[in-house]
Amino acid sequence: LPQLRYVLCLQVFSFVAVICEEVVEDCSNCSGLYFFEFISCSAFFLSLLILCVYCTDAYETLGEDKVERLNFWAMPVIGAWFLVASIVFAATSSGSAVESAAWVFGFLASVAFVLEFVIIQYIQRQNKNVAGHSENPGNTPSATENQPLN
């Protein structure tokens, strides 16, 4: 599955963001940190769930169309929330290196989620184009159809 490698990328960025924010020892305005913590953990676990669905029999059991549709809608929503959380955390952080690393990886994860959405759109569009083409494009008659009947 081509989407599998993109979901793995999302996992790495989300996981590093979660680890960095968990390492923060002291915060001056913790509301941004807590919001970022909730969103980054949620994004990590939701993308882990999607990865598990792709790697197990649940992909065929649930149906490829349903899983693709769920992935199609989940990625931009998660990416948007991750972006908002990263902006809030960057605005409220005290500027420590660990906090900066956390929100930088938050931004990277949100970009990865949006790119995943764009890539899914591109792949689905390509699949529709391939499925929509007939062997005889333009319904032009073949050479045998132009021959008179005997």
N, C-alpha and C. Protein backbone atom coordinates (compact mmCIF):
# COMPACT_ATOMS: atom_id res chain seq x y z
N LEU A 1 0.82 -1.18 0.00
CA LEU A 1 0.00 0.00 0.00
C LEU A 1 0.88 1.25 0.00
N PRO A 2 0.65 2.16 -0.94
CA PRO A 2 1.48 3.36 -0.97
C PRO A 2 1.23 4.28 0.22
N GLN A 3 0.02 4.26 0.79
CA GLN A 3 -0.28 5.13 1.91
C GLN A 3 0.46 4.71 3.18
N LEU A 4 0.89 3.47 3.24
CA LEU A 4 1.52 2.95 4.44
C LEU A 4 2.78 3.74 4.80
N ARG A 5 3.60 4.06 3.81
CA ARG A 5 4.84 4.78 4.12
C ARG A 5 4.54 6.20 4.59
N TYR A 6 3.47 6.81 4.12
CA TYR A 6 3.11 8.15 4.56
C TYR A 6 2.57 8.13 5.99
N VAL A 7 1.81 7.10 6.31
CA VAL A 7 1.30 6.97 7.67
C VAL A 7 2.46 6.73 8.63
N LEU A 8 3.47 5.99 8.21
CA LEU A 8 4.66 5.79 9.05
C LEU A 8 5.37 7.12 9.30
N CYS A 9 5.45 7.96 8.29
CA CYS A 9 6.06 9.28 8.44
C CYS A 9 5.27 10.11 9.46
N LEU A 10 3.95 10.04 9.37
CA LEU A 10 3.11 10.75 10.33
C LEU A 10 3.37 10.26 11.74
N GLN A 11 3.53 8.95 11.87
CA GLN A 11 3.79 8.35 13.18
C GLN A 11 5.08 8.89 13.77
N VAL A 12 6.13 8.98 12.96
CA VAL A 12 7.42 9.44 13.46
C VAL A 12 7.33 10.88 13.94
N PHE A 13 6.78 11.77 13.11
CA PHE A 13 6.67 13.17 13.50
C PHE A 13 5.78 13.35 14.72
N SER A 14 4.65 12.65 14.76
CA SER A 14 3.75 12.75 15.90
C SER A 14 4.41 12.24 17.17
N PHE A 15 5.11 11.13 17.05
CA PHE A 15 5.77 10.53 18.20
C PHE A 15 6.86 11.44 18.76
N VAL A 16 7.67 12.01 17.89
CA VAL A 16 8.73 12.91 18.35
C VAL A 16 8.12 14.15 19.02
N ALA A 17 7.03 14.66 18.46
CA ALA A 17 6.35 15.81 19.08
C ALA A 17 5.84 15.44 20.48
N VAL A 18 5.27 14.25 20.61
CA VAL A 18 4.77 13.79 21.92
C VAL A 18 5.93 13.66 22.91
N ILE A 19 7.01 13.04 22.48
CA ILE A 19 8.16 12.85 23.37
C ILE A 19 8.73 14.20 23.81
N CYS A 20 8.89 15.12 22.87
CA CYS A 20 9.45 16.44 23.21
C CYS A 20 8.58 17.19 24.21
N GLU A 21 7.27 17.15 24.01
CA GLU A 21 6.42 17.89 24.96
C GLU A 21 6.35 17.20 26.31
N GLU A 22 6.57 15.90 26.35
CA GLU A 22 6.58 15.20 27.63
C GLU A 22 7.85 15.50 28.42
N VAL A 23 8.92 15.89 27.73
CA VAL A 23 10.19 16.18 28.39
C VAL A 23 10.20 17.58 29.02
N VAL A 24 9.27 18.43 28.61
CA VAL A 24 9.21 19.79 29.16
C VAL A 24 9.00 19.68 30.68
N GLU A 25 9.95 20.27 31.42
CA GLU A 25 9.89 20.17 32.88
C GLU A 25 9.15 21.33 33.52
N ASP A 26 9.33 22.52 32.98
CA ASP A 26 8.75 23.71 33.60
C ASP A 26 8.15 24.59 32.50
N CYS A 27 6.95 25.07 32.75
CA CYS A 27 6.32 25.96 31.77
C CYS A 27 5.75 27.16 32.50
N SER A 28 5.82 28.31 31.85
CA SER A 28 5.29 29.53 32.46
C SER A 28 3.79 29.66 32.19
N ASN A 29 3.37 29.33 30.98
CA ASN A 29 1.96 29.35 30.61
C ASN A 29 1.63 27.94 30.08
N CYS A 30 1.11 27.10 30.95
CA CYS A 30 0.96 25.68 30.64
C CYS A 30 -0.27 25.35 29.80
N SER A 31 -1.17 26.29 29.60
CA SER A 31 -2.38 25.97 28.83
C SER A 31 -2.04 25.57 27.40
N GLY A 32 -1.10 26.26 26.76
CA GLY A 32 -0.68 25.90 25.40
C GLY A 32 -0.02 24.53 25.36
N LEU A 33 0.77 24.24 26.38
CA LEU A 33 1.43 22.94 26.47
C LEU A 33 0.41 21.82 26.63
N TYR A 34 -0.58 22.03 27.49
CA TYR A 34 -1.59 21.00 27.71
C TYR A 34 -2.45 20.77 26.46
N PHE A 35 -2.78 21.84 25.78
CA PHE A 35 -3.55 21.72 24.54
C PHE A 35 -2.74 20.96 23.49
N PHE A 36 -1.46 21.32 23.37
CA PHE A 36 -0.58 20.64 22.42
C PHE A 36 -0.41 19.17 22.80
N GLU A 37 -0.30 18.91 24.09
CA GLU A 37 -0.16 17.53 24.56
C GLU A 37 -1.38 16.70 24.18
N PHE A 38 -2.56 17.24 24.40
CA PHE A 38 -3.79 16.52 24.06
C PHE A 38 -3.87 16.25 22.56
N ILE A 39 -3.63 17.27 21.75
CA ILE A 39 -3.74 17.12 20.30
C ILE A 39 -2.65 16.20 19.76
N SER A 40 -1.41 16.35 20.22
CA SER A 40 -0.33 15.51 19.69
C SER A 40 -0.52 14.05 20.07
N CYS A 41 -0.96 13.79 21.29
CA CYS A 41 -1.22 12.40 21.70
C CYS A 41 -2.40 11.82 20.90
N SER A 42 -3.44 12.61 20.73
CA SER A 42 -4.59 12.15 19.95
C SER A 42 -4.20 11.86 18.51
N ALA A 43 -3.43 12.75 17.92
CA ALA A 43 -2.98 12.55 16.54
C ALA A 43 -2.12 11.30 16.42
N PHE A 44 -1.23 11.11 17.39
CA PHE A 44 -0.37 9.93 17.36
C PHE A 44 -1.20 8.65 17.44
N PHE A 45 -2.15 8.61 18.37
CA PHE A 45 -2.93 7.38 18.53
C PHE A 45 -3.91 7.16 17.38
N LEU A 46 -4.47 8.23 16.82
CA LEU A 46 -5.35 8.06 15.66
C LEU A 46 -4.58 7.58 14.44
N SER A 47 -3.40 8.13 14.22
CA SER A 47 -2.60 7.65 13.08
C SER A 47 -2.08 6.23 13.33
N LEU A 48 -1.83 5.89 14.60
CA LEU A 48 -1.46 4.51 14.94
C LEU A 48 -2.62 3.56 14.66
N LEU A 49 -3.84 3.99 14.97
CA LEU A 49 -5.01 3.19 14.68
C LEU A 49 -5.17 2.97 13.17
N ILE A 50 -4.98 4.01 12.39
CA ILE A 50 -5.07 3.89 10.94
C ILE A 50 -3.99 2.95 10.42
N LEU A 51 -2.78 3.06 10.98
CA LEU A 51 -1.69 2.16 10.59
C LEU A 51 -2.04 0.71 10.92
N CYS A 52 -2.63 0.47 12.07
CA CYS A 52 -3.03 -0.89 12.45
C CYS A 52 -4.11 -1.43 11.52
N VAL A 53 -5.02 -0.57 11.10
CA VAL A 53 -6.06 -1.01 10.17
C VAL A 53 -5.44 -1.41 8.85
N TYR A 54 -4.48 -0.63 8.37
CA TYR A 54 -3.82 -0.95 7.09
C TYR A 54 -3.02 -2.25 7.17
N CYS A 55 -2.46 -2.54 8.35
CA CYS A 55 -1.56 -3.69 8.47
C CYS A 55 -2.26 -4.98 8.91
N THR A 56 -3.54 -4.94 9.17
CA THR A 56 -4.25 -6.13 9.63
C THR A 56 -5.36 -6.50 8.64
N ASP A 57 -6.08 -7.54 8.99
CA ASP A 57 -7.20 -7.97 8.16
C ASP A 57 -8.38 -7.01 8.22
N ALA A 58 -8.33 -6.06 9.14
CA ALA A 58 -9.42 -5.09 9.26
C ALA A 58 -9.58 -4.28 7.98
N TYR A 59 -8.50 -4.13 7.21
CA TYR A 59 -8.55 -3.37 5.97
C TYR A 59 -9.54 -4.01 4.99
N GLU A 60 -9.46 -5.33 4.85
CA GLU A 60 -10.39 -6.02 3.96
C GLU A 60 -11.75 -6.24 4.63
N THR A 61 -11.75 -6.46 5.95
CA THR A 61 -13.00 -6.71 6.66
C THR A 61 -13.91 -5.49 6.63
N LEU A 62 -13.35 -4.32 6.91
CA LEU A 62 -14.14 -3.10 6.90
C LEU A 62 -14.48 -2.65 5.48
N GLY A 63 -13.65 -3.05 4.56
CA GLY A 63 -13.83 -2.62 3.17
C GLY A 63 -12.86 -1.51 2.82
N GLU A 64 -12.20 -1.66 1.70
CA GLU A 64 -11.20 -0.69 1.30
C GLU A 64 -11.80 0.70 1.13
N ASP A 65 -13.01 0.79 0.59
CA ASP A 65 -13.63 2.09 0.37
C ASP A 65 -13.88 2.83 1.67
N LYS A 66 -14.36 2.11 2.68
CA LYS A 66 -14.65 2.75 3.97
C LYS A 66 -13.37 3.21 4.66
N VAL A 67 -12.33 2.39 4.59
CA VAL A 67 -11.07 2.75 5.22
C VAL A 67 -10.45 3.95 4.50
N GLU A 68 -10.50 3.93 3.18
CA GLU A 68 -9.95 5.05 2.40
C GLU A 68 -10.73 6.33 2.68
N ARG A 69 -12.05 6.23 2.79
CA ARG A 69 -12.87 7.41 3.08
C ARG A 69 -12.57 7.95 4.48
N LEU A 70 -12.41 7.06 5.46
CA LEU A 70 -12.05 7.48 6.82
C LEU A 70 -10.70 8.18 6.81
N ASN A 71 -9.74 7.58 6.15
CA ASN A 71 -8.40 8.16 6.05
C ASN A 71 -8.46 9.50 5.33
N PHE A 72 -9.28 9.58 4.30
CA PHE A 72 -9.41 10.81 3.51
C PHE A 72 -9.91 11.97 4.36
N TRP A 73 -10.85 11.73 5.25
CA TRP A 73 -11.40 12.80 6.07
C TRP A 73 -10.61 13.01 7.36
N ALA A 74 -10.00 11.97 7.88
CA ALA A 74 -9.27 12.08 9.16
C ALA A 74 -7.98 12.89 9.01
N MET A 75 -7.27 12.69 7.93
CA MET A 75 -5.96 13.34 7.77
C MET A 75 -6.02 14.88 7.79
N PRO A 76 -6.90 15.51 7.01
CA PRO A 76 -6.90 16.98 7.07
C PRO A 76 -7.42 17.53 8.40
N VAL A 77 -8.35 16.82 9.03
CA VAL A 77 -8.87 17.28 10.32
C VAL A 77 -7.78 17.20 11.38
N ILE A 78 -7.09 16.07 11.42
CA ILE A 78 -5.99 15.92 12.39
C ILE A 78 -4.90 16.94 12.10
N GLY A 79 -4.55 17.11 10.83
CA GLY A 79 -3.52 18.07 10.46
C GLY A 79 -3.88 19.49 10.85
N ALA A 80 -5.14 19.86 10.66
CA ALA A 80 -5.58 21.22 11.02
C ALA A 80 -5.50 21.44 12.53
N TRP A 81 -5.96 20.45 13.30
CA TRP A 81 -5.89 20.58 14.76
C TRP A 81 -4.44 20.61 15.24
N PHE A 82 -3.59 19.80 14.61
CA PHE A 82 -2.18 19.79 14.98
C PHE A 82 -1.55 21.15 14.67
N LEU A 83 -1.94 21.75 13.56
CA LEU A 83 -1.42 23.07 13.21
C LEU A 83 -1.86 24.12 14.23
N VAL A 84 -3.13 24.09 14.59
CA VAL A 84 -3.64 25.04 15.60
C VAL A 84 -2.92 24.85 16.93
N ALA A 85 -2.75 23.60 17.35
CA ALA A 85 -2.08 23.32 18.62
C ALA A 85 -0.61 23.77 18.57
N SER A 86 0.03 23.59 17.44
CA SER A 86 1.43 24.01 17.31
C SER A 86 1.55 25.53 17.36
N ILE A 87 0.62 26.22 16.73
CA ILE A 87 0.62 27.69 16.77
C ILE A 87 0.40 28.18 18.20
N VAL A 88 -0.58 27.59 18.88
CA VAL A 88 -0.87 27.99 20.26
C VAL A 88 0.33 27.72 21.16
N PHE A 89 0.93 26.54 21.00
CA PHE A 89 2.07 26.18 21.84
C PHE A 89 3.28 27.08 21.54
N ALA A 90 3.52 27.37 20.26
CA ALA A 90 4.63 28.25 19.90
C ALA A 90 4.42 29.65 20.47
N ALA A 91 3.17 30.11 20.49
CA ALA A 91 2.87 31.45 21.00
C ALA A 91 2.97 31.52 22.52
N THR A 92 2.70 30.43 23.21
CA THR A 92 2.69 30.46 24.68
C THR A 92 3.93 29.83 25.31
N SER A 93 4.85 29.32 24.51
CA SER A 93 6.01 28.65 25.09
C SER A 93 7.00 29.68 25.64
N SER A 94 7.83 29.22 26.57
CA SER A 94 8.82 30.11 27.19
C SER A 94 10.09 30.21 26.35
N GLY A 95 10.19 29.41 25.31
CA GLY A 95 11.35 29.50 24.42
C GLY A 95 12.46 28.52 24.72
N SER A 96 12.22 27.56 25.59
CA SER A 96 13.26 26.57 25.87
C SER A 96 13.47 25.69 24.64
N ALA A 97 14.60 25.05 24.58
CA ALA A 97 14.95 24.23 23.40
C ALA A 97 13.99 23.06 23.24
N VAL A 98 13.61 22.45 24.33
CA VAL A 98 12.71 21.30 24.25
C VAL A 98 11.33 21.73 23.77
N GLU A 99 10.85 22.86 24.29
CA GLU A 99 9.55 23.37 23.83
C GLU A 99 9.60 23.74 22.35
N SER A 100 10.68 24.37 21.94
CA SER A 100 10.82 24.73 20.53
C SER A 100 10.87 23.49 19.64
N ALA A 101 11.58 22.47 20.09
CA ALA A 101 11.64 21.23 19.32
C ALA A 101 10.25 20.60 19.22
N ALA A 102 9.49 20.67 20.29
CA ALA A 102 8.15 20.07 20.29
C ALA A 102 7.26 20.76 19.28
N TRP A 103 7.20 22.10 19.31
CA TRP A 103 6.28 22.75 18.37
C TRP A 103 6.80 22.72 16.94
N VAL A 104 8.13 22.63 16.75
CA VAL A 104 8.66 22.47 15.39
C VAL A 104 8.22 21.11 14.83
N PHE A 105 8.33 20.07 15.63
CA PHE A 105 7.86 18.76 15.17
C PHE A 105 6.34 18.73 15.04
N GLY A 106 5.67 19.55 15.82
CA GLY A 106 4.22 19.69 15.63
C GLY A 106 3.89 20.28 14.28
N PHE A 107 4.65 21.32 13.88
CA PHE A 107 4.44 21.90 12.55
C PHE A 107 4.79 20.89 11.46
N LEU A 108 5.89 20.16 11.65
CA LEU A 108 6.26 19.14 10.66
C LEU A 108 5.18 18.06 10.55
N ALA A 109 4.63 17.66 11.69
CA ALA A 109 3.57 16.64 11.68
C ALA A 109 2.33 17.18 10.98
N SER A 110 1.97 18.45 11.23
CA SER A 110 0.78 18.98 10.56
C SER A 110 0.99 19.07 9.07
N VAL A 111 2.18 19.44 8.63
CA VAL A 111 2.48 19.46 7.20
C VAL A 111 2.40 18.05 6.63
N ALA A 112 2.91 17.07 7.39
CA ALA A 112 2.85 15.68 6.93
C ALA A 112 1.41 15.19 6.81
N PHE A 113 0.56 15.57 7.74
CA PHE A 113 -0.85 15.17 7.66
C PHE A 113 -1.52 15.79 6.44
N VAL A 114 -1.24 17.05 6.18
CA VAL A 114 -1.83 17.70 5.01
C VAL A 114 -1.28 17.09 3.72
N LEU A 115 0.02 16.81 3.69
CA LEU A 115 0.60 16.16 2.50
C LEU A 115 0.01 14.77 2.29
N GLU A 116 -0.24 14.07 3.37
CA GLU A 116 -0.89 12.76 3.26
C GLU A 116 -2.25 12.90 2.58
N PHE A 117 -2.99 13.93 2.97
CA PHE A 117 -4.30 14.19 2.36
C PHE A 117 -4.15 14.50 0.87
N VAL A 118 -3.18 15.34 0.53
CA VAL A 118 -2.96 15.70 -0.88
C VAL A 118 -2.54 14.48 -1.68
N ILE A 119 -1.68 13.65 -1.11
CA ILE A 119 -1.22 12.45 -1.80
C ILE A 119 -2.37 11.48 -1.99
N ILE A 120 -3.23 11.32 -0.99
CA ILE A 120 -4.40 10.45 -1.13
C ILE A 120 -5.28 10.96 -2.26
N GLN A 121 -5.50 12.28 -2.31
CA GLN A 121 -6.30 12.86 -3.39
C GLN A 121 -5.68 12.53 -4.75
N TYR A 122 -4.37 12.70 -4.86
CA TYR A 122 -3.68 12.44 -6.12
C TYR A 122 -3.79 10.98 -6.53
N ILE A 123 -3.59 10.08 -5.58
CA ILE A 123 -3.67 8.64 -5.87
C ILE A 123 -5.09 8.26 -6.29
N GLN A 124 -6.09 8.79 -5.57
CA GLN A 124 -7.47 8.46 -5.93
C GLN A 124 -7.82 9.03 -7.30
N ARG A 125 -7.33 10.20 -7.62
CA ARG A 125 -7.59 10.79 -8.93
C ARG A 125 -6.93 9.96 -10.02
N GLN A 126 -5.72 9.50 -9.76
CA GLN A 126 -5.01 8.65 -10.73
C GLN A 126 -5.75 7.33 -10.92
N ASN A 127 -6.23 6.74 -9.84
CA ASN A 127 -6.97 5.48 -9.93
C ASN A 127 -8.27 5.66 -10.72
N LYS A 128 -8.94 6.80 -10.53
CA LYS A 128 -10.17 7.06 -11.28
C LYS A 128 -9.86 7.26 -12.75
N ASN A 129 -8.76 7.93 -13.06
CA ASN A 129 -8.39 8.14 -14.46
C ASN A 129 -8.05 6.82 -15.14
N VAL A 130 -7.34 5.95 -14.44
CA VAL A 130 -6.99 4.65 -15.00
C VAL A 130 -8.23 3.80 -15.16
N ALA A 131 -9.11 3.82 -14.16
CA ALA A 131 -10.33 3.01 -14.22
C ALA A 131 -11.31 3.57 -15.25
N GLY A 132 -11.28 4.86 -15.50
CA GLY A 132 -12.23 5.48 -16.42
C GLY A 132 -11.87 5.30 -17.88
N HIS A 133 -10.62 4.98 -18.17
CA HIS A 133 -10.20 4.80 -19.56
C HIS A 133 -10.59 3.43 -20.07
N SER A 134 -11.13 3.39 -21.26
CA SER A 134 -11.45 2.11 -21.86
C SER A 134 -10.27 1.68 -22.74
N GLU A 135 -10.32 0.45 -23.18
CA GLU A 135 -9.26 -0.03 -24.05
C GLU A 135 -9.33 0.66 -25.41
N ASN A 136 -10.48 1.16 -25.79
CA ASN A 136 -10.67 1.82 -27.07
C ASN A 136 -11.04 3.28 -26.78
N PRO A 137 -10.04 4.15 -26.54
CA PRO A 137 -10.34 5.52 -26.14
C PRO A 137 -11.08 6.28 -27.23
N GLY A 138 -12.00 7.09 -26.79
CA GLY A 138 -12.75 7.91 -27.73
C GLY A 138 -13.79 7.15 -28.52
N ASN A 139 -13.99 5.88 -28.20
CA ASN A 139 -14.94 5.02 -28.91
C ASN A 139 -14.76 5.07 -30.42
N THR A 140 -13.51 5.13 -30.84
CA THR A 140 -13.24 5.07 -32.28
C THR A 140 -13.33 3.63 -32.73
N PRO A 141 -13.90 3.40 -33.88
CA PRO A 141 -14.03 2.02 -34.34
C PRO A 141 -12.67 1.44 -34.69
N SER A 142 -12.52 0.16 -34.39
CA SER A 142 -11.26 -0.51 -34.70
C SER A 142 -11.24 -0.91 -36.17
N ALA A 143 -10.12 -1.42 -36.62
CA ALA A 143 -9.95 -1.77 -38.03
C ALA A 143 -10.94 -2.86 -38.46
N THR A 144 -11.25 -3.81 -37.60
CA THR A 144 -12.18 -4.89 -37.98
C THR A 144 -13.60 -4.38 -38.06
N GLU A 145 -13.92 -3.35 -37.31
CA GLU A 145 -15.28 -2.81 -37.37
C GLU A 145 -15.52 -2.01 -38.66
N ASN A 146 -14.47 -1.55 -39.30
CA ASN A 146 -14.60 -0.79 -40.53
C ASN A 146 -14.74 -1.68 -41.76
N GLN A 147 -14.53 -2.96 -41.61
CA GLN A 147 -14.61 -3.89 -42.75
C GLN A 147 -16.07 -4.20 -43.07
N PRO A 148 -16.39 -4.30 -44.36
CA PRO A 148 -17.77 -4.65 -44.74
C PRO A 148 -18.08 -6.09 -44.34
N LEU A 149 -19.35 -6.33 -44.07
CA LEU A 149 -19.80 -7.67 -43.72
C LEU A 149 -19.84 -8.54 -44.98
N ASN A 150 -19.45 -9.78 -44.89
CA ASN A 150 -19.46 -10.70 -46.05
C ASN A 150 -20.71 -11.50 -46.09
